[in-house]
C-alpha atoms as a PDB file:
ATOM      1  CA  MET A   1      16.282  76.954 -48.805  1.00  0.00           C
ATOM      2  CA  GLN A   2      16.737  77.776 -44.934  1.00  0.00           C
ATOM      3  CA  ILE A   3      18.165  75.498 -42.848  1.00  0.00           C
ATOM      4  CA  VAL A   4      16.342  74.442 -39.045  1.00  0.00           C
ATOM      5  CA  HIS A   5      17.954  73.361 -36.355  1.00  0.00           C
ATOM      6  CA  PHE A   6      16.488  71.173 -34.208  1.00  0.00           C
ATOM      7  CA  THR A   7      18.671  69.939 -31.284  1.00  0.00           C
ATOM      8  CA  GLN A   8      18.235  69.719 -27.968  1.00  0.00           C
ATOM      9  CA  GLY A   9      20.495  72.690 -27.546  1.00  0.00           C
ATOM     10  CA  ALA A  10      17.799  74.487 -29.775  1.00  0.00           C
ATOM     11  CA  CYS A  11      14.568  73.852 -27.522  1.00  0.00           C
ATOM     12  CA  ASP A  12      12.928  76.151 -24.498  1.00  0.00           C
ATOM     13  CA  ALA A  13      11.391  74.915 -22.006  1.00  0.00           C
ATOM     14  CA  LEU A  14       7.635  74.075 -22.726  1.00  0.00           C
ATOM     15  CA  ARG A  15       5.576  76.266 -20.164  1.00  0.00           C
ATOM     16  CA  THR A  16       1.571  75.279 -21.318  1.00  0.00           C
ATOM     17  CA  HIS A  17      -0.098  72.549 -21.142  1.00  0.00           C
ATOM     18  CA  ASP A  18       1.219  71.375 -17.604  1.00  0.00           C
ATOM     19  CA  ALA A  19       4.322  70.355 -19.376  1.00  0.00           C
ATOM     20  CA  LYS A  20       6.790  68.892 -17.172  1.00  0.00           C
ATOM     21  CA  GLY A  21      10.386  67.526 -18.315  1.00  0.00           C
ATOM     22  CA  VAL A  22       9.702  69.493 -22.248  1.00  0.00           C
ATOM     23  CA  HIS A  23      11.751  71.194 -24.669  1.00  0.00           C
ATOM     24  CA  PHE A  24      10.145  72.917 -28.039  1.00  0.00           C
ATOM     25  CA  LEU A  25      11.028  74.336 -31.050  1.00  0.00           C
ATOM     26  CA  PRO A  26       9.092  75.761 -33.342  1.00  0.00           C
ATOM     27  CA  LEU A  27      10.309  74.832 -36.946  1.00  0.00           C
ATOM     28  CA  ALA A  28       7.860  75.697 -39.491  1.00  0.00           C
ATOM     29  CA  ASP A  29       3.972  77.629 -40.231  1.00  0.00           C
ATOM     30  CA  GLY A  30       2.071  76.174 -43.092  1.00  0.00           C
ATOM     31  CA  GLN A  31      -0.514  77.949 -45.121  1.00  0.00           C
ATOM     32  CA  GLY A  32      -3.296  78.618 -42.615  1.00  0.00           C
ATOM     33  CA  ASP A  33      -3.721  77.261 -39.173  1.00  0.00           C
ATOM     34  CA  THR A  34      -0.102  74.726 -40.441  1.00  0.00           C
ATOM     35  CA  HIS A  35       2.884  74.418 -37.784  1.00  0.00           C
ATOM     36  CA  VAL A  36       5.065  71.781 -37.180  1.00  0.00           C
ATOM     37  CA  ALA A  37       7.664  71.662 -34.451  1.00  0.00           C
ATOM     38  CA  CYS A  38      10.165  69.800 -32.198  1.00  0.00           C
ATOM     39  CA  ALA A  39       9.909  68.619 -28.533  1.00  0.00           C
ATOM     40  CA  TYR A  40      12.580  66.534 -26.587  1.00  0.00           C
ATOM     41  CA  LEU A  41      10.950  65.207 -23.625  1.00  0.00           C
ATOM     42  CA  ASP A  42      13.358  64.097 -20.501  1.00  0.00           C
ATOM     43  CA  PRO A  43      12.958  60.803 -18.759  1.00  0.00           C
ATOM     44  CA  GLY A  44       9.198  61.000 -16.809  1.00  0.00           C
ATOM     45  CA  ALA A  45       8.358  64.361 -19.171  1.00  0.00           C
ATOM     46  CA  GLU A  46       4.125  64.839 -19.966  1.00  0.00           C
ATOM     47  CA  ILE A  47       2.333  66.927 -22.045  1.00  0.00           C
ATOM     48  CA  GLN A  48      -1.410  67.462 -21.805  1.00  0.00           C
ATOM     49  CA  ALA A  49      -3.907  67.332 -24.125  1.00  0.00           C
ATOM     50  CA  PRO A  50      -1.155  69.570 -26.302  1.00  0.00           C
ATOM     51  CA  SER A  51      -3.439  70.587 -28.870  1.00  0.00           C
ATOM     52  CA  LEU A  52      -7.652  70.313 -29.187  1.00  0.00           C
ATOM     53  CA  THR A  53      -7.822  72.993 -31.673  1.00  0.00           C
ATOM     54  CA  HIS A  54      -6.236  70.592 -33.966  1.00  0.00           C
ATOM     55  CA  ALA A  55      -5.413  67.279 -36.311  1.00  0.00           C
ATOM     56  CA  ALA A  56      -1.937  66.490 -34.548  1.00  0.00           C
ATOM     57  CA  ALA A  57       1.115  63.894 -36.131  1.00  0.00           C
ATOM     58  CA  LEU A  58       2.843  62.887 -32.917  1.00  0.00           C
ATOM     59  CA  LEU A  59       5.734  61.060 -34.711  1.00  0.00           C
ATOM     60  CA  VAL A  60       8.649  60.210 -33.067  1.00  0.00           C
ATOM     61  CA  VAL A  61      12.179  59.100 -34.485  1.00  0.00           C
ATOM     62  CA  HIS A  62      14.033  58.499 -31.579  1.00  0.00           C
ATOM     63  CA  GLY A  63      12.414  56.514 -27.684  1.00  0.00           C
ATOM     64  CA  ARG A  64       9.320  55.497 -27.131  1.00  0.00           C
ATOM     65  CA  VAL A  65       6.327  57.835 -25.516  1.00  0.00           C
ATOM     66  CA  THR A  66       2.720  56.721 -24.266  1.00  0.00           C
ATOM     67  CA  ILE A  67      -0.182  58.103 -25.395  1.00  0.00           C
ATOM     68  CA  VAL A  68      -3.496  58.131 -23.243  1.00  0.00           C
ATOM     69  CA  SER A  69      -6.251  58.755 -24.936  1.00  0.00           C
ATOM     70  CA  GLU A  70      -9.198  59.731 -23.196  1.00  0.00           C
ATOM     71  CA  ARG A  71     -12.083  59.636 -25.922  1.00  0.00           C
ATOM     72  CA  GLY A  72     -14.080  56.855 -25.035  1.00  0.00           C
ATOM     73  CA  ASN A  73     -12.495  54.094 -22.620  1.00  0.00           C
ATOM     74  CA  PRO A  74      -9.176  55.706 -21.588  1.00  0.00           C
ATOM     75  CA  ARG A  75      -6.103  53.919 -22.927  1.00  0.00           C
ATOM     76  CA  ASN A  76      -2.666  53.788 -22.956  1.00  0.00           C
ATOM     77  CA  ILE A  77      -0.629  53.451 -26.071  1.00  0.00           C
ATOM     78  CA  ASN A  78       3.167  52.729 -26.566  1.00  0.00           C
ATOM     79  CA  ILE A  79       4.874  54.006 -29.145  1.00  0.00           C
ATOM     80  CA  ALA A  80       8.660  53.841 -30.588  1.00  0.00           C
ATOM     81  CA  ALA A  81      10.893  55.341 -32.717  1.00  0.00           C
ATOM     82  CA  GLY A  82       9.725  55.198 -36.674  1.00  0.00           C
ATOM     83  CA  MET A  83       5.893  54.501 -34.790  1.00  0.00           C
ATOM     84  CA  GLY A  84       3.212  58.310 -35.351  1.00  0.00           C
ATOM     85  CA  ALA A  85      -0.536  58.871 -34.047  1.00  0.00           C
ATOM     86  CA  ILE A  86      -2.954  61.216 -35.742  1.00  0.00           C
ATOM     87  CA  VAL A  87      -4.968  63.061 -33.536  1.00  0.00           C
ATOM     88  CA  GLU A  88      -8.489  64.582 -34.554  1.00  0.00           C
ATOM     89  CA  PRO A  89      -9.125  68.160 -33.658  1.00  0.00           C
ATOM     90  CA  GLN A  90     -11.644  67.793 -30.142  1.00  0.00           C
ATOM     91  CA  GLU A  91      -9.718  63.994 -29.293  1.00  0.00           C
ATOM     92  CA  PRO A  92      -8.351  64.857 -25.878  1.00  0.00           C
ATOM     93  CA  TYR A  93      -4.662  63.125 -25.224  1.00  0.00           C
ATOM     94  CA  THR A  94      -1.516  63.438 -22.999  1.00  0.00           C
ATOM     95  CA  PHE A  95       1.633  62.050 -24.381  1.00  0.00           C
ATOM     96  CA  ARG A  96       4.493  61.241 -22.011  1.00  0.00           C
ATOM     97  CA  SER A  97       7.468  59.579 -21.947  1.00  0.00           C
ATOM     98  CA  ASP A  98       9.269  57.408 -19.289  1.00  0.00           C
ATOM     99  CA  THR A  99      12.789  56.696 -21.089  1.00  0.00           C
ATOM    100  CA  GLY A 100      13.370  59.844 -22.504  1.00  0.00           C
ATOM    101  CA  ALA A 101      12.148  61.161 -26.277  1.00  0.00           C
ATOM    102  CA  ILE A 102      12.312  63.208 -30.067  1.00  0.00           C
ATOM    103  CA  VAL A 103       8.697  63.767 -31.367  1.00  0.00           C
ATOM    104  CA  LEU A 104       7.901  65.384 -34.126  1.00  0.00           C
ATOM    105  CA  LEU A 105       4.758  67.187 -34.452  1.00  0.00           C
ATOM    106  CA  ILE A 106       2.236  68.392 -37.244  1.00  0.00           C
ATOM    107  CA  GLU A 107      -0.543  70.351 -36.672  1.00  0.00           C
ATOM    108  CA  SER A 108      -3.055  71.124 -39.438  1.00  0.00           C
ATOM    109  CA  ASP A 109      -6.638  72.256 -39.151  1.00  0.00           C
ATOM    110  CA  GLU A 110      -7.247  68.388 -40.820  1.00  0.00           C
ATOM    111  CA  LEU A 111      -4.420  65.395 -41.038  1.00  0.00           C
ATOM    112  CA  THR A 112      -5.893  61.875 -42.960  1.00  0.00           C
ATOM    113  CA  PRO A 113      -3.504  59.374 -42.444  1.00  0.00           C
ATOM    114  CA  HIS A 114      -2.376  57.767 -45.949  1.00  0.00           C
ATOM    115  CA  ALA A 115      -2.888  54.401 -46.380  1.00  0.00           C
ATOM    116  CA  ARG A 116       0.240  52.936 -46.893  1.00  0.00           C
ATOM    117  CA  GLY A 117       1.310  54.570 -43.527  1.00  0.00           C
ATOM    118  CA  ILE A 118      -0.907  53.341 -41.055  1.00  0.00           C
ATOM    119  CA  SER A 119       0.730  50.300 -39.095  1.00  0.00           C
ATOM    120  CA  SER A 120      -0.565  46.388 -39.616  1.00  0.00           C
ATOM    121  CA  PRO A 121       1.137  43.447 -38.748  1.00  0.00           C
ATOM    122  CA  GLU A 122       1.942  41.901 -42.241  1.00  0.00           C
ATOM    123  CA  ARG A 123       3.747  45.398 -43.249  1.00  0.00           C
ATOM    124  CA  ILE A 124       5.645  46.197 -39.812  1.00  0.00           C
ATOM    125  CA  ALA A 125       6.617  43.010 -38.496  1.00  0.00           C
ATOM    126  CA  GLY A 126      10.514  42.553 -37.811  1.00  0.00           C
ATOM    127  CA  GLN A 127      11.137  46.152 -38.462  1.00  0.00           C
ATOM    128  CA  THR A 128      13.647  47.848 -36.575  1.00  0.00           C
ATOM    129  CA  TRP A 129      15.499  50.919 -36.505  1.00  0.00           C
ATOM    130  CA  PRO A 130      19.134  51.013 -36.476  1.00  0.00           C
ATOM    131  CA  SER A 131      19.134  52.321 -32.403  1.00  0.00           C
ATOM    132  CA  ASP A 132      16.243  49.546 -31.550  1.00  0.00           C
ATOM    133  CA  ALA A 133      20.019  47.653 -30.299  1.00  0.00           C
ATOM    134  CA  VAL A 134      20.553  50.596 -28.216  1.00  0.00           C
ATOM    135  CA  LEU A 135      17.280  50.856 -26.709  1.00  0.00           C
ATOM    136  CA  THR A 136      16.492  47.588 -25.994  1.00  0.00           C
END
């Protein structure tokens, strides 16, 4: 077993993808083209089209993020800690955080959301994280 450390101080400023206020740390690479990373977003941070060649899972573990989907009619999707989004390869998007956030990123050739993980009002109504009281 190897231990990975992904506190903010372990991350480096991201200087690609027109990133502003983003600190990034690769955590693991898998078979084929699979990657796991962590991003710390400062308040006001933004990344444009971070992955078009891969499917990506953006999992917010702290804070809030807005994903701007640019497929079809552009729309803003707001997600908070305990939520995530699965983006298909070649699906253009930008994500940003007005308040700051910590996001785990998983990239692979293909990612399919598991049926038990897909949000539905019945499944998530009233669910919170202990830190939510601090964020309101």
